C-alpha cells in the first residue's frame, strides 16, 4: 500500500519520495519500480527501523540533506498476524506495539524536530485501522497498536497545529493484494487458532 501512495505522489509531481524499511533488498526493489514511473522525481531508499529513534533521525536528516525539506510524512509501518489473545506471547505483543505505535511516534517526532518545525509546517498522515473500534478477534496486538496510533494522531494535531503541522489519520480498510491482507488469512479459521 505504501508503495502505491509513493507512486501517486510521484505521478502527481513530487520532487522526491523517501522510503524507509528494514529489509534492504525489498526496499531497493520497490524504489527501482517507483523510479521507473517518474521522469522528474527522485526515489530515495533509506535502510532503517522505525522502532529505533536514531534510525528515524537518520532517515529524516538524509531527506533534509538531499532535498532541503520534508513536506509530507506517511506513517504506515505495521506488524500484524493472526493470534488469539490466550496464545499471543508478550514478545509478539511488544513487537507489534513497537512497530505500529512507537514507530509512528518516532517518525513523527523526528520529522517535526528535524524538518517541519524549522521549515514552518508540513503534513503527517498516520495510517490506522478499524480493528479496535468494536473489537476484532485474533487482533489484540494490532488493535492496541492502532488505538495508540489514533491517540498519537489526536495529541500531535493539537500540539503541532500551532506550528502549521497538520497531523491527520486515515483508515483505508483491508486492501486485497497487499502483504497485510495476505498475512491475515481467512477469518473462517478463528476457532483453530
Protein backbone atom coordinates (compact mmCIF):
# COMPACT_ATOMS: atom_id res chain seq x y z
CA UNK A 1 0.00 0.00 0.00
CA UNK A 2 2.77 2.47 0.88
CA UNK A 3 4.44 1.95 -2.48
CA UNK A 4 1.15 2.88 -4.17
CA UNK A 5 0.94 6.05 -2.05
CA UNK A 6 4.52 6.90 -3.04
CA UNK A 7 3.68 6.22 -6.70
CA UNK A 8 0.70 8.58 -6.52
CA UNK A 9 2.90 11.36 -5.14
CA UNK A 10 5.44 10.82 -7.93
CA UNK A 11 2.83 10.68 -10.68
CA UNK A 12 1.45 13.98 -9.40
CA UNK A 13 4.82 15.72 -9.49
CA UNK A 14 6.55 15.15 -6.17
CA UNK A 15 10.21 16.18 -6.36
CA UNK A 16 11.26 13.29 -4.13
CA UNK A 17 9.94 10.33 -2.19
CA UNK A 18 11.92 8.64 0.56
CA UNK A 19 11.11 5.12 1.70
CA UNK A 20 12.36 3.65 4.98
CA UNK A 21 12.43 -0.10 5.57
CA UNK A 22 14.44 -2.73 7.42
CA UNK A 23 14.78 -5.19 4.51
CA UNK A 24 17.27 -3.59 2.15
CA UNK A 25 16.76 -5.94 -0.83
CA UNK A 26 12.99 -5.42 -0.90
CA UNK A 27 13.47 -1.69 -0.32
CA UNK A 28 15.79 -1.34 -3.32
CA UNK A 29 13.40 -3.37 -5.49
CA UNK A 30 10.41 -1.17 -4.61
CA UNK A 31 12.45 2.02 -5.10
CA UNK A 32 13.58 0.88 -8.55
CA UNK A 33 9.96 0.20 -9.53
CA UNK A 34 8.93 3.63 -8.28
CA UNK A 35 11.78 5.43 -10.01
CA UNK A 36 10.53 3.97 -13.30
CA UNK A 37 7.19 5.80 -13.01
CA UNK A 38 8.67 9.30 -12.85
CA UNK A 39 10.90 11.45 -15.02
CA UNK A 40 11.03 14.30 -12.54
CA UNK A 41 11.00 12.90 -9.01
CA UNK A 42 13.77 11.10 -7.22
CA UNK A 43 13.20 8.00 -5.10
CA UNK A 44 15.47 7.59 -2.11
CA UNK A 45 15.90 4.26 -0.28
CA UNK A 46 16.83 4.58 3.37
CA UNK A 47 17.52 1.42 5.35
CA UNK A 48 16.17 1.90 8.83
CA UNK A 49 13.89 0.71 11.60
CA UNK A 50 11.04 2.87 12.89
CA UNK A 51 11.40 1.24 16.31
CA UNK A 52 14.77 2.96 16.74
CA UNK A 53 14.61 6.74 17.23
CA UNK A 54 18.18 7.29 15.97
CA UNK A 55 17.35 5.39 12.78
CA UNK A 56 14.34 7.69 12.30
CA UNK A 57 16.51 10.76 12.81
CA UNK A 58 18.98 9.50 10.18
CA UNK A 59 16.13 8.90 7.71
CA UNK A 60 14.70 12.40 8.12
CA UNK A 61 18.13 14.06 8.13
CA UNK A 62 19.00 12.20 4.90
CA UNK A 63 15.92 13.63 3.18
CA UNK A 64 16.61 17.14 4.51
CA UNK A 65 20.26 16.98 3.41
CA UNK A 66 19.31 15.86 -0.10
CA UNK A 67 16.21 18.00 -0.67
CA UNK A 68 16.19 20.76 1.94
CA UNK A 69 12.84 19.83 3.49
CA UNK A 70 10.21 17.19 4.17
CA UNK A 71 6.68 18.30 3.30
CA UNK A 72 4.73 15.11 3.97
CA UNK A 73 5.34 12.08 6.18
CA UNK A 74 3.17 8.98 5.75
CA UNK A 75 3.42 6.64 8.74
CA UNK A 76 2.33 3.20 7.60
CA UNK A 77 4.61 0.70 9.30
CA UNK A 78 2.58 -2.16 10.73
CA UNK A 79 3.12 -5.55 12.25
CA UNK A 80 0.26 -8.00 12.07
CA UNK A 81 -0.59 -11.68 12.14
CA UNK A 82 -3.44 -13.81 13.42
CA UNK A 83 -3.14 -14.75 17.11
CA UNK A 84 -5.62 -15.42 19.87
CA UNK A 85 -5.06 -13.34 23.00
CA UNK A 86 -4.62 -16.51 25.05
CA UNK A 87 -1.75 -17.73 22.85
CA UNK A 88 -0.10 -14.42 21.93
CA UNK A 89 3.26 -14.04 23.64
CA UNK A 90 4.38 -10.88 25.38
CA UNK A 91 7.18 -10.68 22.80
CA UNK A 92 4.68 -10.77 19.92
CA UNK A 93 2.55 -8.09 21.57
CA UNK A 94 5.58 -5.90 22.28
CA UNK A 95 6.90 -6.21 18.74
CA UNK A 96 3.63 -5.04 17.16
CA UNK A 97 3.30 -2.15 19.64
CA UNK A 98 6.88 -1.10 18.88
CA UNK A 99 6.33 -1.15 15.12
CA UNK A 100 2.87 0.43 14.99
CA UNK A 101 2.72 2.79 17.95
CA UNK A 102 6.33 3.57 18.85
CA UNK A 103 7.30 3.66 15.16
CA UNK A 104 4.59 6.23 14.42
CA UNK A 105 5.71 8.35 17.36
CA UNK A 106 9.42 8.07 16.50
CA UNK A 107 8.99 9.08 12.86
CA UNK A 108 6.56 11.88 13.70
CA UNK A 109 8.81 13.31 16.39
CA UNK A 110 11.84 13.11 14.15
CA UNK A 111 10.20 14.80 11.17
CA UNK A 112 8.79 17.53 13.42
CA UNK A 113 12.08 18.26 15.20
CA UNK A 114 14.40 17.85 12.21
CA UNK A 115 12.31 19.34 9.42
CA UNK A 116 8.75 20.61 9.80
CA UNK A 117 9.16 22.87 12.82
CA UNK A 118 12.18 24.58 11.23
CA UNK A 119 10.64 24.91 7.77
CA UNK A 120 7.35 26.31 9.08
CA UNK A 121 4.96 23.42 8.51
CA UNK A 122 4.08 20.16 6.86
CA UNK A 123 1.68 17.24 6.94
CA UNK A 124 1.88 13.97 8.86
CA UNK A 125 -0.51 11.22 7.76
CA UNK A 126 -0.89 8.26 10.11
CA UNK A 127 -2.43 5.06 8.74
CA UNK A 128 -4.65 3.26 11.23
CA UNK A 129 -7.27 0.50 11.17
CA UNK A 130 -10.77 -0.22 12.44
CA UNK A 131 -9.81 -3.33 14.42
CA UNK A 132 -10.05 -1.66 17.82
CA UNK A 133 -13.28 0.24 17.23
CA UNK A 134 -15.56 -2.71 18.06
CA UNK A 135 -13.08 -5.45 18.90
CA UNK A 136 -11.72 -7.92 16.36
CA UNK A 137 -10.92 -11.48 17.34
CA UNK A 138 -7.31 -12.59 16.88
CA UNK A 139 -6.13 -8.96 16.72
CA UNK A 140 -5.48 -7.75 20.29
CA UNK A 141 -1.89 -6.80 19.39
CA UNK A 142 -2.74 -4.83 16.26
CA UNK A 143 -5.85 -3.33 17.86
CA UNK A 144 -3.80 -1.99 20.76
CA UNK A 145 -1.14 -0.70 18.39
CA UNK A 146 -3.58 1.15 16.15
CA UNK A 147 -5.52 2.56 19.12
CA UNK A 148 -2.17 4.05 20.14
CA UNK A 149 -1.69 5.46 16.65
CA UNK A 150 -5.11 7.12 16.85
CA UNK A 151 -4.25 8.69 20.20
CA UNK A 152 -0.87 9.91 18.90
CA UNK A 153 -2.59 11.46 15.88
CA UNK A 154 -5.01 13.46 18.02
CA UNK A 155 -2.43 14.67 20.53
CA UNK A 156 0.14 15.68 17.90
CA UNK A 157 -2.55 17.51 15.90
CA UNK A 158 -3.27 19.64 18.97
CA UNK A 159 0.38 20.19 19.94
CA UNK A 160 1.83 20.81 16.49
CA UNK A 161 -1.07 22.59 14.80
CA UNK A 162 0.23 25.98 16.03
CA UNK A 163 3.46 25.21 14.12
CA UNK A 164 1.45 24.77 10.90
CA UNK A 165 1.97 21.00 11.03
CA UNK A 166 -1.25 19.20 10.16
CA UNK A 167 -1.46 15.70 11.67
CA UNK A 168 -4.25 13.51 10.39
CA UNK A 169 -5.21 9.87 10.29
CA UNK A 170 -6.65 7.67 7.58
CA UNK A 171 -8.24 4.24 7.80
CA UNK A 172 -8.16 2.66 4.35
CA UNK A 173 -9.53 -0.74 5.44
CA UNK A 174 -8.48 -4.10 4.07
CA UNK A 175 -6.91 -3.86 0.62
CA UNK A 176 -6.83 -7.04 -1.44
CA UNK A 177 -3.43 -7.96 -2.83
CA UNK A 178 -1.40 -6.25 -0.09
CA UNK A 179 1.02 -8.06 2.21
CA UNK A 180 -1.12 -7.28 5.24
CA UNK A 181 -4.25 -8.68 3.62
CA UNK A 182 -2.45 -11.89 2.68
CA UNK A 183 -0.93 -12.32 6.16
CA UNK A 184 -4.25 -12.20 7.96
CA UNK A 185 -5.60 -15.21 6.08
CA UNK A 186 -9.13 -16.40 6.43
CA UNK A 187 -11.26 -15.24 9.34
CA UNK A 188 -13.16 -18.56 8.91
CA UNK A 189 -10.43 -20.32 10.88
CA UNK A 190 -10.89 -18.36 14.13
CA UNK A 191 -11.60 -21.43 16.25
CA UNK A 192 -8.44 -23.18 15.07
CA UNK A 193 -6.02 -20.60 16.46
